Amino acid sequence: MYDVAEVWSLHGLARTDSGVELRVGDDVGGGVLSYLWFVPIVDGRIDLKQQTDLIDTTASTPTSFALYGARPNYLLHSYRGFRSAPVDTYATLAADLKWTFIDAERSDYWVGLGIWKWSKGRFLEWRAPVGMAAQAATSVVPKFRVIGGDDDGVPMLPEALAAELEGSGFRTTSAMAFASGEVLAVGHIAYVPGFSTLLWRSSKLEIFRTPEVVLADDTDLYFLGGSTLDDVRLVAAGALMRLENDEWTPAGSLSDEAPPDVWFGRPLTHQAGVQCYVRLGRDESWRPLAHSERHVHVVIDDEGVVWSVGPERILRSSKKPEGEMVKLTKSDWETSRKKLGLQTQWSRMDPQWGAPHREE
C-alpha cells in the first residue's frame, strides 16, 4: 500500500455506486453538534471541487452513517441517540453539492437497519428496534418502507399473519432486498428449534421453515451478503448457507480466522480478527492485506484498487500515486470550501455555525 495523502480530520471511507468517498469532519466531543462532509476520489486523486456541503453530526455519540446511490443523487442515512431515543435522519445531495433533509422519524427506538437499491431504482429500508427496546420487545415482525419514492409493491404482512407472528413471539433478525425486486427476511421464535424465512417475490409472500438449526440467540441468524437470490448467503448457528429451491442448504464453513468462500458480484473486504483480507474477482482468492493494523477502513473501487485509512488519518492505495504524498490541513479545507461557496464553520461552538436546509 502506498501513502497517498495525510488529511486533516479524515474519519473514514465510503464505497458508493460512483466510487470511493472520503468522510471528513470535526470531532469537538462532549456531545457538541459538529459537522462532516464527503469528497470523492477521482482518477486516484482527492477532488476538492466536488466536496459536499456540511451535514450535522453529534460528536461522542454512537452513530451510523451510510451513503447510497451515486452522485449527484446521494442518499445519506444516519441514526444516533444522545440521552434520548435513537432518531433517523435522511438527506439527499443535489447538483449544487448541498444537502436537503427529506425525512426524520423518532419511533420507539425503531431505526433503519438496512437500505438497499430495490425495484425501479428505489431504496427499500428495513426497520427494527435497537438497544433497550430490542431487548424488551416480545416480538419483532418485519417492517419495510421506501425512502424517497412511491410505496408500490412494498413488502407487507397480511393482518392475520402479522397478528399470528406477534402472538407467537416471532423475532426478525435480518433482512435483504435486491434490485430485481425480491425481498428476504429471517427470524425465529425463542426456545423453538429452527427458523423461518419470508420471501416476497413479485409482491407475493412465501414462507418456509428450516427446522433442524438450533440458534443460540438473535445474533446467530443474519445475512452475510448477496446481490441476487442465487448468491445470497445466510449465517445460521455459525454455519454458512445458500438458498436452493426455497430451502437453505450448507454452503461451506465459517471461521473467525479466515474469510468465507463467497462472491457477491463486486470486490469484497473481510475482517478476521486483526487481519484484513481482500478479494478482487470471482476467480481470485482472498489475499491478506499487509500491515492490517494500519488500515482502519478499507474499500475497493470498481477498478480493483484498494483504498484504506489508518489511525493516523493517512489515505493509502494499492496503486502507486502520481507524484508525492499530498497533505491537506484545516487551512487547506477552509480555502477550498470558500472558493466553492460552502460552509466552513465546523461546529456549533463557532458562533457563525450554520445548518443544512430542512424540507418542511
Protein backbone atom coordinates (compact mmCIF):
# COMPACT_ATOMS: atom_id res chain seq x y z
CA MET A 1 0.00 0.00 0.00
CA TYR A 2 1.24 3.47 -0.90
CA ASP A 3 0.74 6.65 1.11
CA VAL A 4 -1.45 9.00 -0.93
CA ALA A 5 -2.44 11.83 1.42
CA GLU A 6 -2.35 12.97 5.01
CA VAL A 7 -5.77 14.52 5.59
CA TRP A 8 -6.88 16.73 8.46
CA SER A 9 -9.85 15.22 10.32
CA LEU A 10 -10.23 12.23 7.98
CA HIS A 11 -12.63 9.77 9.63
CA GLY A 12 -13.34 7.08 7.07
CA LEU A 13 -14.20 5.91 3.57
CA ALA A 14 -17.44 5.04 1.79
CA ARG A 15 -17.87 2.81 -1.27
CA THR A 16 -20.78 4.02 -3.44
CA ASP A 17 -22.13 3.45 -6.94
CA SER A 18 -19.97 6.43 -8.00
CA GLY A 19 -16.74 5.18 -6.49
CA VAL A 20 -14.92 5.98 -3.24
CA GLU A 21 -15.71 8.92 -0.97
CA LEU A 22 -13.71 10.32 1.95
CA ARG A 23 -15.67 11.20 5.09
CA VAL A 24 -14.12 14.28 6.68
CA GLY A 25 -15.27 16.18 9.76
CA ASP A 26 -14.57 17.77 13.09
CA ASP A 27 -14.98 15.92 16.39
CA VAL A 28 -15.46 18.51 19.13
CA GLY A 29 -16.51 15.94 21.73
CA GLY A 30 -18.85 16.15 24.69
CA GLY A 31 -21.99 15.73 22.60
CA VAL A 32 -21.48 19.09 20.87
CA LEU A 33 -23.11 19.40 17.45
CA SER A 34 -20.40 19.08 14.80
CA TYR A 35 -20.28 18.56 11.05
CA LEU A 36 -18.92 16.26 8.42
CA TRP A 37 -18.74 16.29 4.63
CA PHE A 38 -17.76 13.98 1.77
CA VAL A 39 -15.21 14.36 -1.02
CA PRO A 40 -14.65 11.86 -3.87
CA ILE A 41 -11.51 10.20 -5.17
CA VAL A 42 -11.37 10.77 -8.94
CA ASP A 43 -8.62 9.24 -11.09
CA GLY A 44 -6.62 8.44 -7.99
CA ARG A 45 -6.77 11.96 -6.55
CA ILE A 46 -8.90 13.75 -3.95
CA ASP A 47 -11.22 16.02 -5.96
CA LEU A 48 -11.72 19.10 -3.79
CA LYS A 49 -14.02 20.68 -6.38
CA GLN A 50 -16.67 18.02 -5.66
CA GLN A 51 -16.63 18.13 -1.84
CA THR A 52 -20.12 18.40 -0.38
CA ASP A 53 -21.59 20.95 1.98
CA LEU A 54 -21.70 20.18 5.70
CA ILE A 55 -24.10 17.74 7.33
CA ASP A 56 -24.50 17.77 11.10
CA THR A 57 -23.47 15.02 13.49
CA THR A 58 -23.38 14.84 17.26
CA ALA A 59 -19.87 14.04 18.40
CA SER A 60 -19.14 11.41 21.04
CA THR A 61 -22.43 9.66 20.26
CA PRO A 62 -22.83 6.11 18.88
CA THR A 63 -23.83 6.96 15.32
CA SER A 64 -24.15 5.21 11.97
CA PHE A 65 -23.60 6.97 8.64
CA ALA A 66 -24.09 5.38 5.22
CA LEU A 67 -24.16 6.72 1.65
CA TYR A 68 -26.33 5.12 -1.04
CA GLY A 69 -26.67 5.64 -4.78
CA ALA A 70 -24.45 7.77 -6.98
CA ARG A 71 -23.54 11.41 -7.41
CA PRO A 72 -25.20 13.81 -7.72
CA ASN A 73 -28.17 11.99 -6.17
CA TYR A 74 -26.75 10.52 -2.97
CA LEU A 75 -28.98 9.38 -0.14
CA LEU A 76 -27.36 9.77 3.29
CA HIS A 77 -28.82 7.84 6.21
CA SER A 78 -27.74 8.25 9.81
CA TYR A 79 -29.10 7.33 13.18
CA ARG A 80 -27.94 8.50 16.55
CA GLY A 81 -29.18 8.86 20.10
CA PHE A 82 -27.75 11.11 22.78
CA ARG A 83 -29.61 10.79 26.11
CA SER A 84 -32.72 10.07 24.08
CA ALA A 85 -34.33 7.52 21.80
CA PRO A 86 -32.43 6.86 18.55
CA VAL A 87 -33.59 9.02 15.66
CA ASP A 88 -33.25 8.54 11.91
CA THR A 89 -32.07 11.28 9.59
CA TYR A 90 -32.24 11.19 5.79
CA ALA A 91 -30.75 13.70 3.39
CA THR A 92 -30.24 13.91 -0.36
CA LEU A 93 -27.42 15.61 -2.22
CA ALA A 94 -28.18 17.99 -5.07
CA ALA A 95 -26.08 19.12 -8.03
CA ASP A 96 -25.06 22.24 -6.06
CA LEU A 97 -23.35 19.90 -3.51
CA LYS A 98 -25.79 20.90 -0.75
CA TRP A 99 -27.82 18.52 1.42
CA THR A 100 -31.59 18.60 1.92
CA PHE A 101 -33.21 16.69 4.77
CA ILE A 102 -36.12 14.69 3.37
CA ASP A 103 -37.37 12.76 6.39
CA ALA A 104 -36.74 12.27 10.10
CA GLU A 105 -38.54 9.87 12.39
CA ARG A 106 -38.42 9.05 16.07
CA SER A 107 -40.42 5.91 16.71
CA ASP A 108 -40.00 3.95 19.93
CA TYR A 109 -36.35 3.07 19.27
CA TRP A 110 -37.09 1.69 15.77
CA VAL A 111 -34.49 2.71 13.18
CA GLY A 112 -33.43 1.74 9.69
CA LEU A 113 -31.02 -1.21 9.95
CA GLY A 114 -30.71 -1.85 6.22
CA ILE A 115 -31.21 0.09 2.98
CA TRP A 116 -30.89 -1.48 -0.46
CA LYS A 117 -31.30 -0.41 -4.09
CA TRP A 118 -34.61 -2.04 -4.91
CA SER A 119 -37.02 -2.29 -7.85
CA LYS A 120 -37.48 0.72 -10.19
CA GLY A 121 -34.32 2.25 -8.75
CA ARG A 122 -35.97 2.90 -5.38
CA PHE A 123 -34.39 2.49 -1.95
CA LEU A 124 -36.07 -0.04 0.34
CA GLU A 125 -35.47 0.18 4.09
CA TRP A 126 -35.89 -2.46 6.80
CA ARG A 127 -36.77 -1.03 10.21
CA ALA A 128 -36.35 -2.70 13.61
CA PRO A 129 -35.89 -1.78 17.28
CA VAL A 130 -32.43 -1.28 18.76
CA GLY A 131 -30.94 -1.02 22.23
CA MET A 132 -33.21 -1.47 25.22
CA ALA A 133 -36.29 -1.60 23.01
CA ALA A 134 -34.94 -4.61 21.14
CA GLN A 135 -34.26 -6.40 24.41
CA ALA A 136 -37.69 -5.58 25.78
CA ALA A 137 -39.68 -6.43 22.64
CA THR A 138 -41.69 -9.64 22.86
CA SER A 139 -41.83 -9.84 19.06
CA VAL A 140 -40.35 -8.07 16.04
CA VAL A 141 -42.21 -8.54 12.77
CA PRO A 142 -40.56 -7.37 9.53
CA LYS A 143 -41.34 -3.79 8.52
CA PHE A 144 -40.26 -2.15 5.26
CA ARG A 145 -40.72 1.21 3.58
CA VAL A 146 -39.46 3.09 0.52
CA ILE A 147 -37.25 6.13 1.06
CA GLY A 148 -37.83 8.98 -1.40
CA GLY A 149 -40.21 7.16 -3.74
CA ASP A 150 -43.64 5.60 -4.15
CA ASP A 151 -44.65 2.66 -1.96
CA ASP A 152 -45.93 0.48 -4.79
CA GLY A 153 -45.22 -3.17 -4.03
CA VAL A 154 -43.61 -2.61 -0.62
CA PRO A 155 -43.43 -5.97 1.26
CA MET A 156 -46.20 -6.25 3.83
CA LEU A 157 -47.67 -8.95 6.04
CA PRO A 158 -51.36 -9.86 5.90
CA GLU A 159 -53.01 -8.67 9.12
CA ALA A 160 -53.84 -12.20 10.26
CA LEU A 161 -50.27 -13.39 9.72
CA ALA A 162 -48.81 -10.33 11.45
CA ALA A 163 -51.03 -10.98 14.46
CA GLU A 164 -50.03 -14.66 14.49
CA LEU A 165 -46.30 -13.84 14.40
CA GLU A 166 -46.63 -11.21 17.10
CA GLY A 167 -48.58 -13.58 19.29
CA SER A 168 -46.01 -16.34 18.91
CA GLY A 169 -43.08 -14.07 19.81
CA PHE A 170 -41.51 -14.17 16.35
CA ARG A 171 -38.36 -12.02 16.10
CA THR A 172 -37.00 -10.83 12.76
CA THR A 173 -33.20 -10.87 12.96
CA SER A 174 -32.08 -9.91 9.43
CA ALA A 175 -33.36 -8.86 6.01
CA MET A 176 -32.15 -8.29 2.44
CA ALA A 177 -33.59 -6.74 -0.72
CA PHE A 178 -32.44 -6.98 -4.33
CA ALA A 179 -32.58 -4.69 -7.36
CA SER A 180 -34.64 -7.35 -9.16
CA GLY A 181 -37.43 -6.83 -6.61
CA GLU A 182 -37.18 -9.84 -4.27
CA VAL A 183 -37.07 -9.28 -0.51
CA LEU A 184 -35.95 -11.71 2.20
CA ALA A 185 -36.41 -11.71 5.97
CA VAL A 186 -35.47 -14.34 8.52
CA GLY A 187 -36.43 -14.79 12.14
CA HIS A 188 -37.23 -17.28 14.87
CA ILE A 189 -39.27 -17.90 18.00
CA ALA A 190 -37.30 -18.07 21.25
CA TYR A 191 -36.73 -21.61 22.59
CA VAL A 192 -38.23 -23.15 19.43
CA PRO A 193 -35.72 -25.02 17.22
CA GLY A 194 -35.25 -23.79 13.68
CA PHE A 195 -36.06 -20.52 11.94
CA SER A 196 -38.47 -19.17 9.35
CA THR A 197 -37.82 -17.37 6.06
CA LEU A 198 -40.18 -14.85 4.49
CA LEU A 199 -39.65 -14.32 0.77
CA TRP A 200 -41.52 -11.69 -1.24
CA ARG A 201 -41.29 -12.44 -4.96
CA SER A 202 -43.38 -10.48 -7.48
CA SER A 203 -45.18 -8.98 -4.45
CA LYS A 204 -46.28 -12.47 -3.36
CA LEU A 205 -45.24 -13.76 0.06
CA GLU A 206 -43.80 -17.24 0.52
CA ILE A 207 -42.88 -18.69 3.94
CA PHE A 208 -40.80 -21.76 4.68
CA ARG A 209 -39.11 -23.18 7.76
CA THR A 210 -35.67 -24.60 8.41
CA PRO A 211 -36.35 -26.76 11.48
CA GLU A 212 -33.03 -28.52 12.07
CA VAL A 213 -30.93 -25.46 13.05
CA VAL A 214 -30.64 -24.60 16.75
CA LEU A 215 -29.96 -20.91 17.36
CA ALA A 216 -28.25 -19.54 20.44
CA ASP A 217 -29.81 -16.04 20.22
CA ASP A 218 -30.85 -13.31 17.78
CA THR A 219 -27.24 -12.65 16.72
CA ASP A 220 -26.91 -16.23 15.49
CA LEU A 221 -29.03 -15.64 12.35
CA TYR A 222 -28.11 -12.99 9.78
CA PHE A 223 -27.44 -12.38 6.09
CA LEU A 224 -23.77 -12.16 5.20
CA GLY A 225 -24.48 -10.53 1.84
CA GLY A 226 -25.64 -11.09 -1.69
CA SER A 227 -26.65 -9.37 -4.93
CA THR A 228 -29.25 -11.93 -6.09
CA LEU A 229 -31.17 -14.87 -4.67
CA ASP A 230 -28.60 -17.15 -6.31
CA ASP A 231 -25.56 -15.75 -4.48
CA VAL A 232 -27.14 -14.60 -1.19
CA ARG A 233 -25.53 -16.21 1.85
CA LEU A 234 -27.03 -16.68 5.29
CA VAL A 235 -25.23 -17.37 8.57
CA ALA A 236 -27.27 -19.64 10.85
CA ALA A 237 -25.85 -21.07 14.07
CA GLY A 238 -22.34 -20.39 12.83
CA ALA A 239 -22.83 -22.19 9.51
CA LEU A 240 -22.89 -20.66 6.02
CA MET A 241 -25.98 -21.45 3.94
CA ARG A 242 -27.26 -20.82 0.39
CA LEU A 243 -30.82 -20.72 -0.95
CA GLU A 244 -31.82 -23.54 -3.30
CA ASN A 245 -35.43 -24.23 -4.33
CA ASP A 246 -36.80 -22.36 -1.31
CA GLU A 247 -34.58 -24.30 1.05
CA TRP A 248 -31.43 -23.31 2.91
CA THR A 249 -28.59 -25.76 2.30
CA PRO A 250 -24.96 -25.88 3.58
CA ALA A 251 -22.57 -23.61 1.65
CA GLY A 252 -19.21 -24.07 3.32
CA SER A 253 -17.58 -23.31 6.60
CA LEU A 254 -17.38 -20.06 8.51
CA SER A 255 -14.34 -19.18 10.59
CA ASP A 256 -13.23 -16.30 12.77
CA GLU A 257 -9.72 -16.74 11.40
CA ALA A 258 -10.32 -16.82 7.63
CA PRO A 259 -12.77 -15.26 5.14
CA PRO A 260 -15.67 -17.33 3.71
CA ASP A 261 -15.73 -18.55 0.12
CA VAL A 262 -18.29 -16.04 -1.17
CA TRP A 263 -18.64 -13.64 -4.10
CA PHE A 264 -21.39 -11.03 -4.39
CA GLY A 265 -20.69 -9.58 -7.81
CA ARG A 266 -18.13 -6.95 -6.77
CA PRO A 267 -14.76 -6.76 -4.93
CA LEU A 268 -15.01 -7.68 -1.25
CA THR A 269 -13.22 -6.99 2.02
CA HIS A 270 -13.31 -9.14 5.14
CA GLN A 271 -12.02 -8.56 8.64
CA ALA A 272 -10.87 -11.63 10.60
CA GLY A 273 -9.50 -10.54 13.94
CA VAL A 274 -6.76 -8.00 13.28
CA GLN A 275 -6.20 -9.25 9.72
CA CYS A 276 -7.98 -7.68 6.75
CA TYR A 277 -8.48 -9.68 3.53
CA VAL A 278 -9.47 -8.55 0.03
CA ARG A 279 -10.97 -10.46 -2.90
CA LEU A 280 -10.87 -8.68 -6.26
CA GLY A 281 -12.69 -11.15 -8.53
CA ARG A 282 -14.83 -14.28 -8.66
CA ASP A 283 -11.92 -16.36 -9.93
CA GLU A 284 -9.41 -14.87 -7.49
CA SER A 285 -8.62 -16.00 -3.97
CA TRP A 286 -8.76 -13.95 -0.82
CA ARG A 287 -5.42 -12.38 -0.01
CA PRO A 288 -4.31 -10.77 3.24
CA LEU A 289 -3.67 -7.04 3.30
CA ALA A 290 -0.18 -6.34 4.60
CA HIS A 291 0.14 -4.32 7.80
CA SER A 292 -3.58 -4.63 8.56
CA GLU A 293 -3.15 -2.68 11.79
CA ARG A 294 -2.51 0.38 9.61
CA HIS A 295 -5.88 0.11 7.85
CA VAL A 296 -8.92 1.01 9.94
CA HIS A 297 -11.28 1.48 6.97
CA VAL A 298 -10.78 -0.49 3.75
CA VAL A 299 -12.78 -0.28 0.49
CA ILE A 300 -12.16 -1.38 -3.10
CA ASP A 301 -13.16 0.65 -6.16
CA ASP A 302 -14.53 -0.72 -9.44
CA GLU A 303 -11.03 -0.90 -10.94
CA GLY A 304 -9.85 -3.19 -8.15
CA VAL A 305 -7.78 -0.52 -6.39
CA VAL A 306 -7.73 -0.98 -2.61
CA TRP A 307 -8.09 2.20 -0.51
CA SER A 308 -7.60 2.46 3.24
CA VAL A 309 -7.50 4.95 6.09
CA GLY A 310 -5.29 4.35 9.11
CA PRO A 311 -5.49 5.66 12.69
CA GLU A 312 -3.01 8.41 11.79
CA ARG A 313 -5.51 9.66 9.15
CA ILE A 314 -3.37 8.79 6.17
CA LEU A 315 -5.09 7.75 2.95
CA ARG A 316 -3.40 4.76 1.29
CA SER A 317 -3.82 3.00 -2.05
CA SER A 318 -2.70 -0.28 -3.60
CA LYS A 319 -1.91 1.67 -6.77
CA LYS A 320 1.19 3.85 -6.75
CA PRO A 321 0.10 7.50 -6.94
CA GLU A 322 1.49 10.00 -9.39
CA GLY A 323 3.70 12.47 -7.56
CA GLU A 324 4.47 12.84 -3.87
CA MET A 325 2.12 12.39 -0.92
CA VAL A 326 -0.41 15.23 -0.53
CA LYS A 327 -1.01 16.97 2.79
CA LEU A 328 -4.40 18.61 3.42
CA THR A 329 -4.56 20.84 6.50
CA LYS A 330 -7.53 22.54 8.13
CA SER A 331 -6.48 25.75 6.37
CA ASP A 332 -6.46 23.96 3.00
CA TRP A 333 -10.01 22.77 3.56
CA GLU A 334 -11.20 26.24 4.54
CA THR A 335 -9.61 27.84 1.48
CA SER A 336 -11.03 25.29 -0.96
CA ARG A 337 -14.50 25.43 0.57
CA LYS A 338 -14.66 29.23 0.47
CA LYS A 339 -13.88 29.12 -3.26
CA LEU A 340 -16.87 26.80 -3.73
CA GLY A 341 -19.17 28.90 -1.54
CA LEU A 342 -19.53 26.08 1.00
CA GLN A 343 -19.78 26.38 4.79
CA THR A 344 -16.56 26.38 6.79
CA GLN A 345 -17.85 26.54 10.37
CA TRP A 346 -17.04 23.09 11.71
CA SER A 347 -19.06 23.05 14.95
CA ARG A 348 -21.75 24.75 16.97
CA MET A 349 -19.04 26.07 19.24
CA ASP A 350 -18.35 28.54 16.41
CA PRO A 351 -20.90 31.41 16.76
CA GLN A 352 -21.26 31.52 12.96
CA TRP A 353 -22.33 27.90 12.60
CA GLY A 354 -24.99 27.07 10.07
CA ALA A 355 -27.21 24.11 9.28
CA PRO A 356 -28.40 22.45 6.08
CA HIS A 357 -31.83 23.32 4.73
CA ARG A 358 -34.66 21.24 6.16
CA GLU A 359 -37.60 20.49 3.88
CA GLU A 360 -40.97 21.22 5.50
